[in-house]
Amino acid sequence: MGSRSPSIAAIGIIGRHNNPLHTALFPATGEGHEQQRDRLEYSFMLNSSLDIFEARMPSKTVGHDFGLLHALDERLALYGWLTNTGVKLVIVVDMEGSTAPTPEAGKTAILGLRNSDLAPAFQALQTAYIGLLRNPFYIPDEHDPQATKGSGLASYHQHSFPQRSGQDR
């Protein structure tokens, strides 16, 4: 079996009220690593990172790289970024997620990632999110649990049709 290199296992976008906005899972590649990732498991991982964001919030300013949030084991690690609107971006890195293209690339799994290695990925995610917000058909308040309180199915009023008098043909 060849050497392995880090790859992104999941990306999570979490709203300013700690509501999940989007979760994307990416499969591991290579021989013996083709198993499907469990969406619920990664949802729990993303939720566990919220406590770390809250703990580091007083010492950090918005729009910054939070770096390594926590390592779950020798294979999975969560890295975080906070936008200036309070939206949290989380990248889950699988240290053995793909087959290394070169032997030198395989050494990264042993040495680990530096915080600056993921900065371009976070900047690309933030740019994509800003592009989404600029879309006139996207309404961010539809995904905000505090803004939609009292709306939705509970506020839907069923219209009754007037009864006809007389006989129907």
N, C-alpha and C. Protein backbone atom coordinates (compact mmCIF):
# COMPACT_ATOMS: atom_id res chain seq x y z
N MET A 1 0.84 -1.17 0.00
CA MET A 1 0.00 0.00 0.00
C MET A 1 0.88 1.23 0.00
N GLY A 2 0.56 2.22 -0.85
CA GLY A 2 1.35 3.43 -0.96
C GLY A 2 1.12 4.39 0.19
N SER A 3 1.91 5.43 0.20
CA SER A 3 1.75 6.41 1.27
C SER A 3 0.51 7.25 1.02
N ARG A 4 -0.01 7.82 2.09
CA ARG A 4 -1.25 8.60 2.05
C ARG A 4 -0.92 10.07 2.29
N SER A 5 -1.81 10.94 1.80
CA SER A 5 -1.64 12.37 2.03
C SER A 5 -2.96 12.95 2.51
N PRO A 6 -2.93 14.10 3.17
CA PRO A 6 -4.16 14.71 3.70
C PRO A 6 -5.11 15.15 2.59
N SER A 7 -6.40 15.08 2.90
CA SER A 7 -7.41 15.59 1.99
C SER A 7 -8.58 16.10 2.82
N ILE A 8 -9.41 16.92 2.21
CA ILE A 8 -10.57 17.47 2.90
C ILE A 8 -11.65 16.39 2.94
N ALA A 9 -12.10 16.07 4.14
CA ALA A 9 -13.14 15.06 4.31
C ALA A 9 -14.52 15.70 4.33
N ALA A 10 -14.63 16.90 4.90
CA ALA A 10 -15.92 17.57 4.99
C ALA A 10 -15.72 19.07 5.13
N ILE A 11 -16.73 19.80 4.67
CA ILE A 11 -16.76 21.26 4.83
C ILE A 11 -18.11 21.59 5.44
N GLY A 12 -18.08 22.40 6.48
CA GLY A 12 -19.31 22.83 7.12
C GLY A 12 -19.39 24.34 7.18
N ILE A 13 -20.56 24.88 6.87
CA ILE A 13 -20.82 26.30 7.01
C ILE A 13 -21.89 26.44 8.07
N ILE A 14 -21.57 27.16 9.13
CA ILE A 14 -22.45 27.29 10.28
C ILE A 14 -22.81 28.76 10.45
N GLY A 15 -24.09 29.04 10.59
CA GLY A 15 -24.59 30.40 10.68
C GLY A 15 -24.21 31.09 11.98
N ARG A 16 -24.48 32.38 12.06
CA ARG A 16 -24.09 33.16 13.24
C ARG A 16 -24.86 32.77 14.49
N HIS A 17 -26.01 32.08 14.32
CA HIS A 17 -26.78 31.59 15.46
C HIS A 17 -26.55 30.10 15.67
N ASN A 18 -25.39 29.62 15.21
CA ASN A 18 -24.96 28.22 15.33
C ASN A 18 -25.90 27.24 14.65
N ASN A 19 -26.55 27.69 13.59
CA ASN A 19 -27.40 26.81 12.80
C ASN A 19 -26.62 26.34 11.58
N PRO A 20 -26.71 25.05 11.25
CA PRO A 20 -25.98 24.54 10.08
C PRO A 20 -26.59 25.08 8.80
N LEU A 21 -25.75 25.68 7.96
CA LEU A 21 -26.21 26.19 6.67
C LEU A 21 -25.91 25.22 5.54
N HIS A 22 -24.76 24.54 5.63
CA HIS A 22 -24.39 23.61 4.57
C HIS A 22 -23.32 22.65 5.10
N THR A 23 -23.43 21.39 4.68
CA THR A 23 -22.41 20.39 4.98
C THR A 23 -22.13 19.62 3.70
N ALA A 24 -20.86 19.54 3.34
CA ALA A 24 -20.46 18.78 2.16
C ALA A 24 -19.45 17.72 2.59
N LEU A 25 -19.68 16.49 2.16
CA LEU A 25 -18.77 15.38 2.46
C LEU A 25 -18.04 14.97 1.20
N PHE A 26 -16.76 14.63 1.36
CA PHE A 26 -15.94 14.21 0.23
C PHE A 26 -15.39 12.83 0.54
N PRO A 27 -15.53 11.87 -0.37
CA PRO A 27 -15.10 10.49 -0.09
C PRO A 27 -13.58 10.36 -0.08
N ALA A 28 -13.12 9.42 0.72
CA ALA A 28 -11.71 9.08 0.71
C ALA A 28 -11.42 8.29 -0.57
N THR A 29 -10.19 8.37 -1.05
CA THR A 29 -9.82 7.68 -2.28
C THR A 29 -8.67 6.73 -2.02
N GLY A 30 -8.50 5.81 -2.92
CA GLY A 30 -7.40 4.85 -2.82
C GLY A 30 -7.90 3.48 -2.42
N GLU A 31 -7.02 2.51 -2.51
CA GLU A 31 -7.39 1.12 -2.20
C GLU A 31 -7.73 0.97 -0.73
N GLY A 32 -8.88 0.36 -0.47
CA GLY A 32 -9.31 0.10 0.90
C GLY A 32 -9.87 1.31 1.61
N HIS A 33 -9.99 2.45 0.95
CA HIS A 33 -10.49 3.67 1.59
C HIS A 33 -11.72 4.22 0.86
N GLU A 34 -12.46 3.39 0.16
CA GLU A 34 -13.58 3.88 -0.62
C GLU A 34 -14.89 3.95 0.16
N GLN A 35 -14.86 3.73 1.48
CA GLN A 35 -16.10 3.71 2.24
C GLN A 35 -16.78 5.09 2.20
N GLN A 36 -18.09 5.04 2.31
CA GLN A 36 -18.88 6.27 2.31
C GLN A 36 -18.79 6.92 3.69
N ARG A 37 -18.68 8.21 3.72
CA ARG A 37 -18.61 8.92 4.99
C ARG A 37 -20.02 9.09 5.55
N ASP A 38 -20.15 9.05 6.86
CA ASP A 38 -21.43 9.12 7.52
C ASP A 38 -21.78 10.58 7.80
N ARG A 39 -22.88 11.06 7.21
CA ARG A 39 -23.29 12.45 7.35
C ARG A 39 -23.58 12.82 8.81
N LEU A 40 -24.21 11.93 9.56
CA LEU A 40 -24.53 12.20 10.96
C LEU A 40 -23.26 12.33 11.80
N GLU A 41 -22.30 11.46 11.55
CA GLU A 41 -21.03 11.52 12.29
C GLU A 41 -20.33 12.85 12.07
N TYR A 42 -20.30 13.31 10.82
CA TYR A 42 -19.64 14.58 10.53
C TYR A 42 -20.45 15.76 11.03
N SER A 43 -21.76 15.62 11.11
CA SER A 43 -22.59 16.66 11.69
C SER A 43 -22.26 16.83 13.17
N PHE A 44 -22.06 15.71 13.87
CA PHE A 44 -21.65 15.78 15.28
C PHE A 44 -20.27 16.43 15.42
N MET A 45 -19.36 16.11 14.52
CA MET A 45 -18.03 16.72 14.56
C MET A 45 -18.12 18.23 14.40
N LEU A 46 -18.93 18.67 13.45
CA LEU A 46 -19.07 20.11 13.22
C LEU A 46 -19.71 20.79 14.42
N ASN A 47 -20.70 20.15 15.03
CA ASN A 47 -21.33 20.72 16.22
C ASN A 47 -20.36 20.80 17.39
N SER A 48 -19.47 19.83 17.50
CA SER A 48 -18.49 19.85 18.59
C SER A 48 -17.52 21.01 18.46
N SER A 49 -17.32 21.51 17.25
CA SER A 49 -16.41 22.63 17.06
C SER A 49 -17.00 23.96 17.53
N LEU A 50 -18.31 24.03 17.72
CA LEU A 50 -18.94 25.28 18.13
C LEU A 50 -18.49 25.72 19.52
N ASP A 51 -18.29 24.76 20.42
CA ASP A 51 -17.81 25.10 21.77
C ASP A 51 -16.43 25.73 21.72
N ILE A 52 -15.60 25.26 20.82
CA ILE A 52 -14.24 25.80 20.71
C ILE A 52 -14.28 27.21 20.12
N PHE A 53 -15.16 27.44 19.15
CA PHE A 53 -15.34 28.79 18.63
C PHE A 53 -15.74 29.74 19.76
N GLU A 54 -16.71 29.33 20.58
CA GLU A 54 -17.19 30.17 21.68
C GLU A 54 -16.09 30.43 22.71
N ALA A 55 -15.28 29.42 22.99
CA ALA A 55 -14.20 29.58 23.98
C ALA A 55 -13.12 30.54 23.48
N ARG A 56 -12.84 30.53 22.19
CA ARG A 56 -11.79 31.38 21.64
C ARG A 56 -12.30 32.74 21.19
N MET A 57 -13.60 32.95 21.17
CA MET A 57 -14.18 34.18 20.64
C MET A 57 -13.67 35.45 21.33
N PRO A 58 -13.57 35.51 22.66
CA PRO A 58 -13.11 36.76 23.27
C PRO A 58 -11.70 37.17 22.85
N SER A 59 -10.84 36.20 22.54
CA SER A 59 -9.46 36.53 22.20
C SER A 59 -9.25 36.74 20.70
N LYS A 60 -10.24 36.43 19.90
CA LYS A 60 -10.09 36.57 18.45
C LYS A 60 -11.02 37.66 17.94
N THR A 61 -10.61 38.27 16.86
CA THR A 61 -11.50 39.21 16.18
C THR A 61 -12.13 38.49 15.00
N VAL A 62 -13.21 39.03 14.51
CA VAL A 62 -13.91 38.37 13.41
C VAL A 62 -13.09 38.46 12.14
N GLY A 63 -13.33 37.55 11.23
CA GLY A 63 -12.63 37.52 9.96
C GLY A 63 -11.25 36.91 10.05
N HIS A 64 -11.06 36.03 11.04
CA HIS A 64 -9.73 35.47 11.23
C HIS A 64 -9.74 33.95 11.21
N ASP A 65 -8.55 33.43 11.00
CA ASP A 65 -8.31 32.00 11.00
C ASP A 65 -8.21 31.53 12.45
N PHE A 66 -9.04 30.58 12.84
CA PHE A 66 -8.99 30.02 14.18
C PHE A 66 -8.01 28.86 14.26
N GLY A 67 -7.48 28.44 13.12
CA GLY A 67 -6.50 27.37 13.10
C GLY A 67 -7.09 26.04 13.48
N LEU A 68 -6.27 25.20 14.07
CA LEU A 68 -6.70 23.87 14.50
C LEU A 68 -7.67 24.02 15.66
N LEU A 69 -8.91 23.59 15.45
CA LEU A 69 -9.90 23.62 16.53
C LEU A 69 -9.67 22.44 17.46
N HIS A 70 -9.65 21.24 16.90
CA HIS A 70 -9.28 20.06 17.67
C HIS A 70 -9.03 18.89 16.74
N ALA A 71 -8.19 17.98 17.23
CA ALA A 71 -7.90 16.75 16.50
C ALA A 71 -8.69 15.64 17.18
N LEU A 72 -9.51 14.95 16.40
CA LEU A 72 -10.33 13.89 16.98
C LEU A 72 -9.52 12.64 17.27
N ASP A 73 -8.61 12.33 16.39
CA ASP A 73 -7.70 11.20 16.57
C ASP A 73 -6.49 11.48 15.68
N GLU A 74 -5.68 10.47 15.43
CA GLU A 74 -4.49 10.69 14.59
C GLU A 74 -4.85 10.90 13.14
N ARG A 75 -6.11 10.71 12.78
CA ARG A 75 -6.50 10.81 11.38
C ARG A 75 -7.31 12.07 11.06
N LEU A 76 -8.27 12.45 11.90
CA LEU A 76 -9.18 13.57 11.60
C LEU A 76 -8.87 14.78 12.47
N ALA A 77 -8.90 15.96 11.83
CA ALA A 77 -8.68 17.22 12.53
C ALA A 77 -9.63 18.27 11.96
N LEU A 78 -10.12 19.16 12.83
CA LEU A 78 -11.03 20.22 12.43
C LEU A 78 -10.32 21.56 12.50
N TYR A 79 -10.45 22.34 11.43
CA TYR A 79 -9.87 23.67 11.35
C TYR A 79 -11.00 24.66 11.15
N GLY A 80 -10.87 25.87 11.71
CA GLY A 80 -11.98 26.81 11.65
C GLY A 80 -11.59 28.20 11.20
N TRP A 81 -12.59 28.94 10.71
CA TRP A 81 -12.45 30.31 10.23
C TRP A 81 -13.74 31.03 10.58
N LEU A 82 -13.64 32.25 11.07
CA LEU A 82 -14.81 33.06 11.41
C LEU A 82 -14.86 34.26 10.48
N THR A 83 -15.99 34.43 9.79
CA THR A 83 -16.14 35.56 8.87
C THR A 83 -16.53 36.81 9.66
N ASN A 84 -16.51 37.94 9.00
CA ASN A 84 -16.86 39.19 9.68
C ASN A 84 -18.36 39.30 9.94
N THR A 85 -19.18 38.42 9.37
CA THR A 85 -20.62 38.40 9.65
C THR A 85 -20.97 37.38 10.73
N GLY A 86 -19.99 36.71 11.30
CA GLY A 86 -20.23 35.73 12.35
C GLY A 86 -20.49 34.32 11.84
N VAL A 87 -20.40 34.11 10.54
CA VAL A 87 -20.58 32.78 9.97
C VAL A 87 -19.27 32.01 10.16
N LYS A 88 -19.41 30.76 10.59
CA LYS A 88 -18.24 29.93 10.88
C LYS A 88 -18.04 28.93 9.74
N LEU A 89 -16.81 28.84 9.27
CA LEU A 89 -16.43 27.87 8.24
C LEU A 89 -15.54 26.83 8.91
N VAL A 90 -15.87 25.56 8.72
CA VAL A 90 -15.11 24.48 9.33
C VAL A 90 -14.71 23.50 8.24
N ILE A 91 -13.44 23.14 8.23
CA ILE A 91 -12.93 22.12 7.31
C ILE A 91 -12.41 20.96 8.13
N VAL A 92 -12.93 19.76 7.83
CA VAL A 92 -12.46 18.54 8.47
C VAL A 92 -11.43 17.91 7.54
N VAL A 93 -10.22 17.72 8.03
CA VAL A 93 -9.13 17.17 7.23
C VAL A 93 -8.88 15.73 7.66
N ASP A 94 -8.87 14.85 6.67
CA ASP A 94 -8.53 13.44 6.87
C ASP A 94 -7.06 13.30 6.49
N MET A 95 -6.22 13.02 7.47
CA MET A 95 -4.77 12.98 7.23
C MET A 95 -4.36 11.81 6.33
N GLU A 96 -5.24 10.83 6.15
CA GLU A 96 -4.95 9.70 5.27
C GLU A 96 -6.03 9.59 4.20
N GLY A 97 -6.52 10.71 3.71
CA GLY A 97 -7.68 10.72 2.84
C GLY A 97 -7.45 10.35 1.40
N SER A 98 -6.24 10.52 0.90
CA SER A 98 -6.00 10.19 -0.51
C SER A 98 -4.60 9.60 -0.66
N THR A 99 -4.41 8.96 -1.79
CA THR A 99 -3.10 8.39 -2.10
C THR A 99 -2.14 9.52 -2.47
N ALA A 100 -0.97 9.50 -1.89
CA ALA A 100 0.01 10.55 -2.15
C ALA A 100 0.53 10.44 -3.58
N PRO A 101 0.55 11.55 -4.33
CA PRO A 101 1.06 11.48 -5.70
C PRO A 101 2.57 11.28 -5.76
N THR A 102 3.28 11.76 -4.74
CA THR A 102 4.74 11.59 -4.69
C THR A 102 5.12 11.16 -3.27
N PRO A 103 6.27 10.56 -3.10
CA PRO A 103 6.70 10.19 -1.74
C PRO A 103 6.86 11.40 -0.82
N GLU A 104 7.25 12.55 -1.38
CA GLU A 104 7.40 13.76 -0.56
C GLU A 104 6.05 14.23 -0.04
N ALA A 105 5.00 14.08 -0.85
CA ALA A 105 3.66 14.49 -0.42
C ALA A 105 3.15 13.59 0.69
N GLY A 106 3.60 12.36 0.73
CA GLY A 106 3.20 11.43 1.78
C GLY A 106 3.75 11.81 3.14
N LYS A 107 4.83 12.56 3.17
CA LYS A 107 5.42 12.99 4.45
C LYS A 107 4.54 14.00 5.17
N THR A 108 3.63 14.68 4.45
CA THR A 108 2.75 15.66 5.07
C THR A 108 1.83 15.00 6.09
N ALA A 109 1.40 13.78 5.81
CA ALA A 109 0.54 13.07 6.75
C ALA A 109 1.27 12.79 8.05
N ILE A 110 2.56 12.60 7.98
CA ILE A 110 3.35 12.34 9.18
C ILE A 110 3.63 13.64 9.93
N LEU A 111 3.99 14.68 9.20
CA LEU A 111 4.34 15.95 9.82
C LEU A 111 3.13 16.78 10.22
N GLY A 112 2.01 16.61 9.55
CA GLY A 112 0.81 17.39 9.86
C GLY A 112 0.72 18.64 8.99
N LEU A 113 -0.39 19.34 9.13
CA LEU A 113 -0.63 20.56 8.36
C LEU A 113 -0.31 21.79 9.20
N ARG A 114 0.15 22.82 8.53
CA ARG A 114 0.31 24.11 9.18
C ARG A 114 -1.00 24.88 8.99
N ASN A 115 -1.27 25.83 9.85
CA ASN A 115 -2.50 26.62 9.74
C ASN A 115 -2.57 27.34 8.40
N SER A 116 -1.42 27.78 7.90
CA SER A 116 -1.41 28.53 6.65
C SER A 116 -1.71 27.65 5.43
N ASP A 117 -1.63 26.34 5.59
CA ASP A 117 -1.92 25.44 4.47
C ASP A 117 -3.38 25.49 4.04
N LEU A 118 -4.27 25.80 4.98
CA LEU A 118 -5.70 25.83 4.67
C LEU A 118 -6.23 27.23 4.41
N ALA A 119 -5.41 28.25 4.55
CA ALA A 119 -5.88 29.63 4.34
C ALA A 119 -6.46 29.84 2.94
N PRO A 120 -5.85 29.33 1.86
CA PRO A 120 -6.47 29.51 0.54
C PRO A 120 -7.84 28.82 0.43
N ALA A 121 -7.99 27.67 1.08
CA ALA A 121 -9.28 26.98 1.04
C ALA A 121 -10.35 27.79 1.77
N PHE A 122 -9.99 28.35 2.93
CA PHE A 122 -10.95 29.18 3.67
C PHE A 122 -11.31 30.45 2.90
N GLN A 123 -10.33 31.05 2.26
CA GLN A 123 -10.60 32.25 1.47
C GLN A 123 -11.50 31.94 0.28
N ALA A 124 -11.31 30.78 -0.34
CA ALA A 124 -12.17 30.38 -1.45
C ALA A 124 -13.59 30.11 -0.96
N LEU A 125 -13.73 29.48 0.21
CA LEU A 125 -15.06 29.25 0.78
C LEU A 125 -15.75 30.57 1.11
N GLN A 126 -15.00 31.51 1.68
CA GLN A 126 -15.59 32.80 2.01
C GLN A 126 -16.01 33.56 0.76
N THR A 127 -15.22 33.49 -0.29
CA THR A 127 -15.56 34.13 -1.56
C THR A 127 -16.82 33.50 -2.15
N ALA A 128 -16.93 32.18 -2.09
CA ALA A 128 -18.13 31.50 -2.60
C ALA A 128 -19.35 31.88 -1.78
N TYR A 129 -19.21 32.00 -0.46
CA TYR A 129 -20.33 32.37 0.39
C TYR A 129 -20.77 33.81 0.11
N ILE A 130 -19.83 34.70 -0.12
CA ILE A 130 -20.17 36.08 -0.47
C ILE A 130 -20.90 36.12 -1.81
N GLY A 131 -20.46 35.30 -2.76
CA GLY A 131 -21.17 35.20 -4.04
C GLY A 131 -22.60 34.71 -3.86
N LEU A 132 -22.80 33.78 -2.94
CA LEU A 132 -24.15 33.29 -2.66
C LEU A 132 -25.01 34.40 -2.07
N LEU A 133 -24.44 35.18 -1.16
CA LEU A 133 -25.20 36.27 -0.55
C LEU A 133 -25.55 37.36 -1.55
N ARG A 134 -24.75 37.50 -2.59
CA ARG A 134 -25.03 38.50 -3.62
C ARG A 134 -26.10 38.05 -4.60
N ASN A 135 -26.48 36.77 -4.54
CA ASN A 135 -27.52 36.25 -5.41
C ASN A 135 -28.87 36.83 -4.97
N PRO A 136 -29.59 37.50 -5.86
CA PRO A 136 -30.86 38.11 -5.44
C PRO A 136 -31.95 37.10 -5.10
N PHE A 137 -31.80 35.85 -5.51
CA PHE A 137 -32.81 34.84 -5.23
C PHE A 137 -32.55 34.10 -3.92
N TYR A 138 -31.39 34.31 -3.32
CA TYR A 138 -31.07 33.67 -2.04
C TYR A 138 -31.49 34.61 -0.92
N ILE A 139 -32.29 34.10 0.00
CA ILE A 139 -32.74 34.89 1.14
C ILE A 139 -32.11 34.29 2.39
N PRO A 140 -31.10 34.95 2.96
CA PRO A 140 -30.40 34.34 4.10
C PRO A 140 -31.29 34.16 5.32
N ASP A 141 -32.33 34.98 5.49
CA ASP A 141 -33.18 34.85 6.66
C ASP A 141 -34.02 33.58 6.64
N GLU A 142 -34.15 32.94 5.47
CA GLU A 142 -34.88 31.67 5.42
C GLU A 142 -34.11 30.57 6.12
N HIS A 143 -32.80 30.74 6.31
CA HIS A 143 -31.97 29.73 6.94
C HIS A 143 -31.61 30.10 8.37
N ASP A 144 -32.16 31.20 8.86
CA ASP A 144 -31.87 31.69 10.21
C ASP A 144 -33.01 31.28 11.13
N PRO A 145 -32.76 30.44 12.14
CA PRO A 145 -33.86 29.96 12.99
C PRO A 145 -34.51 31.07 13.81
N GLN A 146 -33.77 32.13 14.14
CA GLN A 146 -34.36 33.20 14.94
C GLN A 146 -35.21 34.13 14.09
N ALA A 147 -34.85 34.30 12.81
CA ALA A 147 -35.63 35.17 11.93
C ALA A 147 -36.89 34.49 11.44
N THR A 148 -36.90 33.16 11.39
CA THR A 148 -38.07 32.44 10.87
C THR A 148 -38.98 31.95 11.98
N LYS A 149 -38.73 32.36 13.21
CA LYS A 149 -39.58 31.93 14.31
C LYS A 149 -41.00 32.45 14.06
N GLY A 150 -41.95 31.58 14.15
CA GLY A 150 -43.34 31.97 13.94
C GLY A 150 -43.76 31.95 12.48
N SER A 151 -42.87 31.54 11.61
CA SER A 151 -43.23 31.43 10.21
C SER A 151 -43.17 29.97 9.79
N GLY A 152 -43.39 29.72 8.56
CA GLY A 152 -43.35 28.35 8.07
C GLY A 152 -44.71 27.70 8.13
N LEU A 153 -44.75 26.43 8.50
CA LEU A 153 -46.01 25.70 8.50
C LEU A 153 -46.99 26.22 9.54
N ALA A 154 -46.47 26.70 10.66
CA ALA A 154 -47.36 27.17 11.71
C ALA A 154 -48.13 28.42 11.29
N SER A 155 -47.54 29.26 10.42
CA SER A 155 -48.20 30.49 10.03
C SER A 155 -49.02 30.33 8.75
N TYR A 156 -49.02 29.15 8.20
CA TYR A 156 -49.77 28.90 6.98
C TYR A 156 -51.25 28.83 7.33
N HIS A 157 -52.03 29.66 6.68
CA HIS A 157 -53.47 29.68 6.92
C HIS A 157 -54.17 29.00 5.77
N GLN A 158 -55.01 28.07 6.10
CA GLN A 158 -55.73 27.36 5.08
C GLN A 158 -56.95 28.19 4.69
N HIS A 159 -57.07 28.44 3.41
CA HIS A 159 -58.20 29.21 2.92
C HIS A 159 -59.36 28.26 2.66
N SER A 160 -60.51 28.59 3.20
CA SER A 160 -61.68 27.75 2.94
C SER A 160 -62.45 28.35 1.78
N PHE A 161 -63.00 27.50 1.00
CA PHE A 161 -63.75 27.95 -0.15
C PHE A 161 -65.20 28.18 0.27
N PRO A 162 -65.84 29.19 -0.26
CA PRO A 162 -67.24 29.42 0.12
C PRO A 162 -68.12 28.27 -0.36
N GLN A 163 -69.09 27.95 0.45
CA GLN A 163 -70.03 26.89 0.11
C GLN A 163 -71.03 27.40 -0.91
N ARG A 164 -71.33 26.59 -1.85
CA ARG A 164 -72.34 26.95 -2.87
C ARG A 164 -73.71 26.62 -2.30
N SER A 165 -74.59 27.47 -2.59
CA SER A 165 -75.97 27.18 -2.22
C SER A 165 -76.68 26.60 -3.43
N GLY A 166 -77.59 25.73 -3.22
CA GLY A 166 -78.30 25.13 -4.33
C GLY A 166 -77.69 23.80 -4.70
N GLN A 167 -78.17 23.28 -5.77
CA GLN A 167 -77.71 21.96 -6.21
C GLN A 167 -76.59 22.10 -7.22
N ASP A 168 -75.62 21.20 -7.10
CA ASP A 168 -74.53 21.17 -8.08
C ASP A 168 -74.92 20.23 -9.21
N ARG A 169 -74.53 20.55 -10.36
CA ARG A 169 -74.84 19.69 -11.51
C ARG A 169 -73.80 18.69 -11.75
